[in-house]
Amino acid sequence: MTSPAWLTRVSLSRSASARALVSLIAPDDPARRAETSHRLLWTLFGDTPERSRDYLWREEGQGRFTLLSARPPEDHHALFDPFEPKPFDPAWVIGDRVRFTLRANATVKRRGEKNRSDVVMDAIHALPKGARAGPRREAEQAASRNWLEAQGASHGFAVTHMDCLGYETLAIPRKGAKPIELGVVELEGHLTVTDPAAFSAKLLAGFGRGRAFGCGLMLVARSG
């Protein structure tokens, strides 16, 4: 990366005033929580009306988040416990082996189709009706890996091992409009860096779609 990004772990404040709002800003329903978390975390970055989103986030538990951003977050409303942004500039080299976790809205656009499709649902639809859990699970794994390998071919890494730990669909509510439907996969595994600059850029840009709602942030650590 040409300049450091910032990695920050934040938690909702334990103050009485903030905790009184928990049911509103961290509801039990995952889809509603993704929508309210999107708005909550924007308070750390939306300093001007013209500002575009320049951060990624993932939920680590109700009220706890990991952020990767182009600039440090600032808690002007005292909604979070004190936190310390840390520079993130790993200086990758070709051949680095990396352990990763990734929550992603992985999609594909088929030739002749107008809209993009969730890769897992696309794969499951191709199975015979009434397919058992085993084939569905295999399709989920294969579709996720194929998608991530394609990401790696374009963005400077090769997948050496990957597991899809889970898949869920979320219908993110929107006032006066149809919900935003997201298929979300939880991936973990190992990769090898093949193009450090491309890989660094993709980490900060994020993977897949749905990035405003907690998808796309790949957490990484060198694995030796």
C-alpha atoms as a PDB file:
ATOM      1  CA  MET A   1       0.000   0.000   0.000  1.00  0.00           C
ATOM      2  CA  THR A   2       1.316   3.437  -0.868  1.00  0.00           C
ATOM      3  CA  SER A   3       0.293   4.760   2.552  1.00  0.00           C
ATOM      4  CA  PRO A   4      -0.789   2.848   5.663  1.00  0.00           C
ATOM      5  CA  ALA A   5      -4.371   1.854   6.127  1.00  0.00           C
ATOM      6  CA  TRP A   6      -5.805   1.588   9.630  1.00  0.00           C
ATOM      7  CA  LEU A   7      -7.010  -1.527  11.421  1.00  0.00           C
ATOM      8  CA  THR A   8      -9.295  -0.853  14.379  1.00  0.00           C
ATOM      9  CA  ARG A   9     -11.307  -3.021  16.746  1.00  0.00           C
ATOM     10  CA  VAL A  10     -14.245  -1.199  18.307  1.00  0.00           C
ATOM     11  CA  SER A  11     -16.960  -2.087  20.821  1.00  0.00           C
ATOM     12  CA  LEU A  12     -20.143  -0.293  21.762  1.00  0.00           C
ATOM     13  CA  SER A  13     -19.708   1.834  24.861  1.00  0.00           C
ATOM     14  CA  ARG A  14     -20.588   0.260  28.187  1.00  0.00           C
ATOM     15  CA  SER A  15     -21.967   3.588  29.409  1.00  0.00           C
ATOM     16  CA  ALA A  16     -25.566   3.565  30.587  1.00  0.00           C
ATOM     17  CA  SER A  17     -26.673   6.009  27.885  1.00  0.00           C
ATOM     18  CA  ALA A  18     -25.204   3.916  25.057  1.00  0.00           C
ATOM     19  CA  ARG A  19     -26.455   0.623  26.501  1.00  0.00           C
ATOM     20  CA  ALA A  20     -29.972   2.010  26.583  1.00  0.00           C
ATOM     21  CA  LEU A  21     -29.836   2.065  22.776  1.00  0.00           C
ATOM     22  CA  VAL A  22     -28.541  -1.493  22.284  1.00  0.00           C
ATOM     23  CA  SER A  23     -31.875  -2.960  21.211  1.00  0.00           C
ATOM     24  CA  LEU A  24     -32.075  -0.288  18.493  1.00  0.00           C
ATOM     25  CA  ILE A  25     -28.502  -0.309  17.197  1.00  0.00           C
ATOM     26  CA  ALA A  26     -27.709  -3.998  17.733  1.00  0.00           C
ATOM     27  CA  PRO A  27     -30.990  -5.912  17.256  1.00  0.00           C
ATOM     28  CA  ASP A  28     -31.106  -9.707  17.375  1.00  0.00           C
ATOM     29  CA  ASP A  29     -32.142 -10.149  13.728  1.00  0.00           C
ATOM     30  CA  PRO A  30     -28.944 -10.426  11.587  1.00  0.00           C
ATOM     31  CA  ALA A  31     -30.384  -8.563   8.588  1.00  0.00           C
ATOM     32  CA  ARG A  32     -31.634  -5.642  10.675  1.00  0.00           C
ATOM     33  CA  ARG A  33     -28.357  -5.621  12.597  1.00  0.00           C
ATOM     34  CA  ALA A  34     -26.361  -5.352   9.350  1.00  0.00           C
ATOM     35  CA  GLU A  35     -28.429  -2.319   8.361  1.00  0.00           C
ATOM     36  CA  THR A  36     -28.183  -0.572  11.739  1.00  0.00           C
ATOM     37  CA  SER A  37     -24.473  -1.403  12.066  1.00  0.00           C
ATOM     38  CA  HIS A  38     -23.889   0.180   8.676  1.00  0.00           C
ATOM     39  CA  ARG A  39     -25.429   3.395   9.988  1.00  0.00           C
ATOM     40  CA  LEU A  40     -23.709   3.146  13.370  1.00  0.00           C
ATOM     41  CA  LEU A  41     -20.210   2.753  11.928  1.00  0.00           C
ATOM     42  CA  TRP A  42     -20.758   5.599   9.497  1.00  0.00           C
ATOM     43  CA  THR A  43     -20.701   7.907  12.551  1.00  0.00           C
ATOM     44  CA  LEU A  44     -16.973   7.117  12.838  1.00  0.00           C
ATOM     45  CA  PHE A  45     -16.200   8.239   9.277  1.00  0.00           C
ATOM     46  CA  GLY A  46     -18.968  10.481   7.890  1.00  0.00           C
ATOM     47  CA  ASP A  47     -17.372  13.789   8.770  1.00  0.00           C
ATOM     48  CA  THR A  48     -18.742  15.707   5.759  1.00  0.00           C
ATOM     49  CA  PRO A  49     -21.892  15.325   3.629  1.00  0.00           C
ATOM     50  CA  GLU A  50     -19.746  14.719   0.531  1.00  0.00           C
ATOM     51  CA  ARG A  51     -17.688  11.934   2.085  1.00  0.00           C
ATOM     52  CA  SER A  52     -17.699   8.563   0.317  1.00  0.00           C
ATOM     53  CA  ARG A  53     -17.349   5.322   2.253  1.00  0.00           C
ATOM     54  CA  ASP A  54     -13.651   4.437   2.452  1.00  0.00           C
ATOM     55  CA  TYR A  55     -13.697   1.637   5.020  1.00  0.00           C
ATOM     56  CA  LEU A  56     -14.618  -2.031   5.407  1.00  0.00           C
ATOM     57  CA  TRP A  57     -16.074  -3.682   8.475  1.00  0.00           C
ATOM     58  CA  ARG A  58     -17.162  -6.990   9.884  1.00  0.00           C
ATOM     59  CA  GLU A  59     -19.156  -7.843  12.959  1.00  0.00           C
ATOM     60  CA  GLU A  60     -17.334  -9.914  15.570  1.00  0.00           C
ATOM     61  CA  GLY A  61     -20.308 -10.157  17.938  1.00  0.00           C
ATOM     62  CA  GLN A  62     -23.226  -7.909  18.735  1.00  0.00           C
ATOM     63  CA  GLY A  63     -21.710  -4.493  19.304  1.00  0.00           C
ATOM     64  CA  ARG A  64     -18.124  -5.520  18.411  1.00  0.00           C
ATOM     65  CA  PHE A  65     -16.519  -4.781  15.031  1.00  0.00           C
ATOM     66  CA  THR A  66     -13.249  -4.903  13.119  1.00  0.00           C
ATOM     67  CA  LEU A  67     -12.594  -2.033  10.691  1.00  0.00           C
ATOM     68  CA  LEU A  68     -10.079  -1.520   7.883  1.00  0.00           C
ATOM     69  CA  SER A  69     -10.037   2.062   6.684  1.00  0.00           C
ATOM     70  CA  ALA A  70      -8.109   4.563   4.620  1.00  0.00           C
ATOM     71  CA  ARG A  71      -8.145   7.005   7.566  1.00  0.00           C
ATOM     72  CA  PRO A  72      -8.496   6.568  11.316  1.00  0.00           C
ATOM     73  CA  PRO A  73     -12.053   6.453  12.701  1.00  0.00           C
ATOM     74  CA  GLU A  74     -13.110   9.196  15.114  1.00  0.00           C
ATOM     75  CA  ASP A  75     -15.817   8.712  17.730  1.00  0.00           C
ATOM     76  CA  HIS A  76     -17.321  12.184  18.061  1.00  0.00           C
ATOM     77  CA  HIS A  77     -20.533  10.889  19.664  1.00  0.00           C
ATOM     78  CA  ALA A  78     -19.045   8.701  22.426  1.00  0.00           C
ATOM     79  CA  LEU A  79     -20.904   5.628  21.171  1.00  0.00           C
ATOM     80  CA  PHE A  80     -17.894   3.309  21.561  1.00  0.00           C
ATOM     81  CA  ASP A  81     -15.400   2.359  24.223  1.00  0.00           C
ATOM     82  CA  PRO A  82     -11.987   4.010  23.737  1.00  0.00           C
ATOM     83  CA  PHE A  83     -10.093   2.413  20.864  1.00  0.00           C
ATOM     84  CA  GLU A  84      -6.696   2.736  19.214  1.00  0.00           C
ATOM     85  CA  PRO A  85      -6.412   2.562  15.406  1.00  0.00           C
ATOM     86  CA  LYS A  86      -3.263   0.736  14.317  1.00  0.00           C
ATOM     87  CA  PRO A  87      -1.427   1.296  11.021  1.00  0.00           C
ATOM     88  CA  PHE A  88      -1.878  -1.613   8.628  1.00  0.00           C
ATOM     89  CA  ASP A  89       0.915  -1.871   6.063  1.00  0.00           C
ATOM     90  CA  PRO A  90       2.147  -5.489   5.904  1.00  0.00           C
ATOM     91  CA  ALA A  91       4.708  -5.023   3.086  1.00  0.00           C
ATOM     92  CA  TRP A  92       3.927  -8.296   1.323  1.00  0.00           C
ATOM     93  CA  VAL A  93       6.474 -10.072  -0.869  1.00  0.00           C
ATOM     94  CA  ILE A  94       5.925 -12.701  -3.527  1.00  0.00           C
ATOM     95  CA  GLY A  95       5.565 -16.112  -1.908  1.00  0.00           C
ATOM     96  CA  ASP A  96       4.218 -14.918   1.448  1.00  0.00           C
ATOM     97  CA  ARG A  97       1.881 -17.536   2.908  1.00  0.00           C
ATOM     98  CA  VAL A  98      -1.175 -16.036   4.525  1.00  0.00           C
ATOM     99  CA  ARG A  99      -3.961 -17.332   6.744  1.00  0.00           C
ATOM    100  CA  PHE A 100      -7.273 -15.589   6.092  1.00  0.00           C
ATOM    101  CA  THR A 101     -10.916 -15.294   7.085  1.00  0.00           C
ATOM    102  CA  LEU A 102     -13.452 -13.588   4.852  1.00  0.00           C
ATOM    103  CA  ARG A 103     -17.173 -12.871   5.049  1.00  0.00           C
ATOM    104  CA  ALA A 104     -18.314 -12.117   1.521  1.00  0.00           C
ATOM    105  CA  ASN A 105     -21.303 -11.558  -0.716  1.00  0.00           C
ATOM    106  CA  ALA A 106     -19.876 -13.572  -3.609  1.00  0.00           C
ATOM    107  CA  THR A 107     -21.659 -13.010  -6.920  1.00  0.00           C
ATOM    108  CA  VAL A 108     -21.312 -13.880 -10.596  1.00  0.00           C
ATOM    109  CA  LYS A 109     -22.805 -12.387 -13.744  1.00  0.00           C
ATOM    110  CA  ARG A 110     -23.736 -14.921 -16.400  1.00  0.00           C
ATOM    111  CA  ARG A 111     -23.519 -14.050 -20.085  1.00  0.00           C
ATOM    112  CA  GLY A 112     -26.769 -12.550 -21.294  1.00  0.00           C
ATOM    113  CA  GLU A 113     -28.088 -11.861 -17.789  1.00  0.00           C
ATOM    114  CA  LYS A 114     -28.769  -8.331 -16.547  1.00  0.00           C
ATOM    115  CA  ASN A 115     -28.272  -8.894 -12.816  1.00  0.00           C
ATOM    116  CA  ARG A 116     -25.589 -10.621 -10.803  1.00  0.00           C
ATOM    117  CA  SER A 117     -26.335 -13.883  -8.998  1.00  0.00           C
ATOM    118  CA  ASP A 118     -25.224 -15.186  -5.615  1.00  0.00           C
ATOM    119  CA  VAL A 119     -22.683 -17.904  -6.512  1.00  0.00           C
ATOM    120  CA  VAL A 120     -23.946 -20.392  -3.910  1.00  0.00           C
ATOM    121  CA  MET A 121     -27.603 -20.023  -4.841  1.00  0.00           C
ATOM    122  CA  ASP A 122     -26.614 -20.224  -8.501  1.00  0.00           C
ATOM    123  CA  ALA A 123     -24.842 -23.528  -7.830  1.00  0.00           C
ATOM    124  CA  ILE A 124     -27.657 -24.949  -5.695  1.00  0.00           C
ATOM    125  CA  HIS A 125     -30.253 -24.128  -8.362  1.00  0.00           C
ATOM    126  CA  ALA A 126     -28.304 -26.322 -10.774  1.00  0.00           C
ATOM    127  CA  LEU A 127     -28.810 -29.381  -8.533  1.00  0.00           C
ATOM    128  CA  PRO A 128     -31.759 -31.749  -9.012  1.00  0.00           C
ATOM    129  CA  LYS A 129     -34.823 -30.802  -6.994  1.00  0.00           C
ATOM    130  CA  GLY A 130     -34.787 -32.403  -3.569  1.00  0.00           C
ATOM    131  CA  ALA A 131     -31.009 -32.814  -3.510  1.00  0.00           C
ATOM    132  CA  ARG A 132     -29.729 -33.972  -0.142  1.00  0.00           C
ATOM    133  CA  ALA A 133     -27.590 -31.932   2.206  1.00  0.00           C
ATOM    134  CA  GLY A 134     -24.338 -33.568   1.042  1.00  0.00           C
ATOM    135  CA  PRO A 135     -24.526 -32.437  -2.604  1.00  0.00           C
ATOM    136  CA  ARG A 136     -25.738 -29.014  -1.520  1.00  0.00           C
ATOM    137  CA  ARG A 137     -22.765 -28.668   0.809  1.00  0.00           C
ATOM    138  CA  GLU A 138     -20.376 -29.778  -1.954  1.00  0.00           C
ATOM    139  CA  ALA A 139     -21.895 -27.235  -4.344  1.00  0.00           C
ATOM    140  CA  GLU A 140     -21.511 -24.517  -1.692  1.00  0.00           C
ATOM    141  CA  GLN A 141     -17.836 -25.373  -1.184  1.00  0.00           C
ATOM    142  CA  ALA A 142     -17.050 -25.608  -4.908  1.00  0.00           C
ATOM    143  CA  ALA A 143     -18.854 -22.383  -5.829  1.00  0.00           C
ATOM    144  CA  SER A 144     -17.117 -20.450  -3.041  1.00  0.00           C
ATOM    145  CA  ARG A 145     -13.685 -21.773  -3.953  1.00  0.00           C
ATOM    146  CA  ASN A 146     -14.148 -21.094  -7.676  1.00  0.00           C
ATOM    147  CA  TRP A 147     -15.178 -17.530  -6.878  1.00  0.00           C
ATOM    148  CA  LEU A 148     -12.216 -16.923  -4.555  1.00  0.00           C
ATOM    149  CA  GLU A 149      -9.753 -18.455  -7.023  1.00  0.00           C
ATOM    150  CA  ALA A 150     -11.053 -16.076  -9.696  1.00  0.00           C
ATOM    151  CA  GLN A 151     -10.557 -13.195  -7.256  1.00  0.00           C
ATOM    152  CA  GLY A 152      -6.998 -14.353  -6.663  1.00  0.00           C
ATOM    153  CA  ALA A 153      -6.207 -14.604 -10.375  1.00  0.00           C
ATOM    154  CA  SER A 154      -7.167 -10.931 -10.769  1.00  0.00           C
ATOM    155  CA  HIS A 155      -5.821  -9.605  -7.477  1.00  0.00           C
ATOM    156  CA  GLY A 156      -2.437 -11.116  -6.751  1.00  0.00           C
ATOM    157  CA  PHE A 157      -2.890 -14.341  -4.780  1.00  0.00           C
ATOM    158  CA  ALA A 158      -3.366 -18.073  -5.168  1.00  0.00           C
ATOM    159  CA  VAL A 159      -5.684 -20.063  -2.914  1.00  0.00           C
ATOM    160  CA  THR A 160      -3.892 -23.039  -1.365  1.00  0.00           C
ATOM    161  CA  HIS A 161      -6.680 -24.160   0.971  1.00  0.00           C
ATOM    162  CA  MET A 162     -10.194 -22.922   1.652  1.00  0.00           C
ATOM    163  CA  ASP A 163     -13.238 -23.993   3.663  1.00  0.00           C
ATOM    164  CA  CYS A 164     -16.692 -22.481   3.456  1.00  0.00           C
ATOM    165  CA  LEU A 165     -17.782 -22.489   7.100  1.00  0.00           C
ATOM    166  CA  GLY A 166     -21.303 -21.278   6.488  1.00  0.00           C
ATOM    167  CA  TYR A 167     -23.797 -19.625   4.195  1.00  0.00           C
ATOM    168  CA  GLU A 168     -26.803 -17.464   4.981  1.00  0.00           C
ATOM    169  CA  THR A 169     -29.150 -15.147   3.140  1.00  0.00           C
ATOM    170  CA  LEU A 170     -29.995 -11.707   4.486  1.00  0.00           C
ATOM    171  CA  ALA A 171     -32.797  -9.383   3.433  1.00  0.00           C
ATOM    172  CA  ILE A 172     -31.544  -5.931   4.425  1.00  0.00           C
ATOM    173  CA  PRO A 173     -34.554  -3.654   5.067  1.00  0.00           C
ATOM    174  CA  ARG A 174     -34.905  -0.408   3.126  1.00  0.00           C
ATOM    175  CA  LYS A 175     -37.504   2.251   3.827  1.00  0.00           C
ATOM    176  CA  GLY A 176     -40.013   2.437   0.992  1.00  0.00           C
ATOM    177  CA  ALA A 177     -38.188  -0.094  -1.187  1.00  0.00           C
ATOM    178  CA  LYS A 178     -37.647  -3.810  -1.565  1.00  0.00           C
ATOM    179  CA  PRO A 179     -35.066  -5.316   0.805  1.00  0.00           C
ATOM    180  CA  ILE A 180     -31.510  -5.786  -0.429  1.00  0.00           C
ATOM    181  CA  GLU A 181     -30.976  -9.546  -0.685  1.00  0.00           C
ATOM    182  CA  LEU A 182     -27.481 -10.792   0.103  1.00  0.00           C
ATOM    183  CA  GLY A 183     -26.104 -14.326   0.118  1.00  0.00           C
ATOM    184  CA  VAL A 184     -23.197 -14.350   2.560  1.00  0.00           C
ATOM    185  CA  VAL A 185     -20.446 -16.961   2.809  1.00  0.00           C
ATOM    186  CA  GLU A 186     -17.965 -17.288   5.666  1.00  0.00           C
ATOM    187  CA  LEU A 187     -14.602 -18.478   4.324  1.00  0.00           C
ATOM    188  CA  GLU A 188     -11.280 -19.345   5.900  1.00  0.00           C
ATOM    189  CA  GLY A 189      -8.086 -20.893   4.639  1.00  0.00           C
ATOM    190  CA  HIS A 190      -4.619 -20.163   3.316  1.00  0.00           C
ATOM    191  CA  LEU A 191      -3.316 -18.323   0.284  1.00  0.00           C
ATOM    192  CA  THR A 192       0.017 -17.397  -1.306  1.00  0.00           C
ATOM    193  CA  VAL A 193       0.805 -13.859  -2.441  1.00  0.00           C
ATOM    194  CA  THR A 194       1.720 -13.656  -6.143  1.00  0.00           C
ATOM    195  CA  ASP A 195       1.509  -9.884  -6.723  1.00  0.00           C
ATOM    196  CA  PRO A 196       2.033  -7.839  -3.539  1.00  0.00           C
ATOM    197  CA  ALA A 197       0.761  -4.519  -4.918  1.00  0.00           C
ATOM    198  CA  ALA A 198      -2.428  -6.022  -6.355  1.00  0.00           C
ATOM    199  CA  PHE A 199      -3.113  -8.009  -3.187  1.00  0.00           C
ATOM    200  CA  SER A 200      -2.595  -4.958  -0.949  1.00  0.00           C
ATOM    201  CA  ALA A 201      -4.919  -2.857  -3.069  1.00  0.00           C
ATOM    202  CA  LYS A 202      -7.635  -5.519  -2.988  1.00  0.00           C
ATOM    203  CA  LEU A 203      -7.449  -5.900   0.782  1.00  0.00           C
ATOM    204  CA  LEU A 204      -8.280  -2.222   1.182  1.00  0.00           C
ATOM    205  CA  ALA A 205     -10.911  -2.182  -1.588  1.00  0.00           C
ATOM    206  CA  GLY A 206     -12.680  -5.302  -0.303  1.00  0.00           C
ATOM    207  CA  PHE A 207     -13.986  -8.502  -1.854  1.00  0.00           C
ATOM    208  CA  GLY A 208     -17.349  -9.038  -3.486  1.00  0.00           C
ATOM    209  CA  ARG A 209     -20.421  -6.913  -2.987  1.00  0.00           C
ATOM    210  CA  GLY A 210     -22.427  -5.923   0.095  1.00  0.00           C
ATOM    211  CA  ARG A 211     -19.462  -4.117   1.584  1.00  0.00           C
ATOM    212  CA  ALA A 212     -21.633  -1.460   3.205  1.00  0.00           C
ATOM    213  CA  PHE A 213     -23.306  -4.247   5.200  1.00  0.00           C
ATOM    214  CA  GLY A 214     -20.318  -6.001   6.754  1.00  0.00           C
ATOM    215  CA  CYS A 215     -19.028  -8.067   3.826  1.00  0.00           C
ATOM    216  CA  GLY A 216     -15.719  -7.933   1.983  1.00  0.00           C
ATOM    217  CA  LEU A 217     -13.129  -7.463   4.736  1.00  0.00           C
ATOM    218  CA  MET A 218     -10.457 -10.169   4.523  1.00  0.00           C
ATOM    219  CA  LEU A 219      -8.574 -10.552   7.810  1.00  0.00           C
ATOM    220  CA  VAL A 220      -5.058 -11.839   7.226  1.00  0.00           C
ATOM    221  CA  ALA A 221      -1.996 -13.034   9.123  1.00  0.00           C
ATOM    222  CA  ARG A 222       1.266 -14.487   7.874  1.00  0.00           C
ATOM    223  CA  SER A 223       1.327 -18.225   8.402  1.00  0.00           C
ATOM    224  CA  GLY A 224       5.072 -18.838   8.087  1.00  0.00           C
END
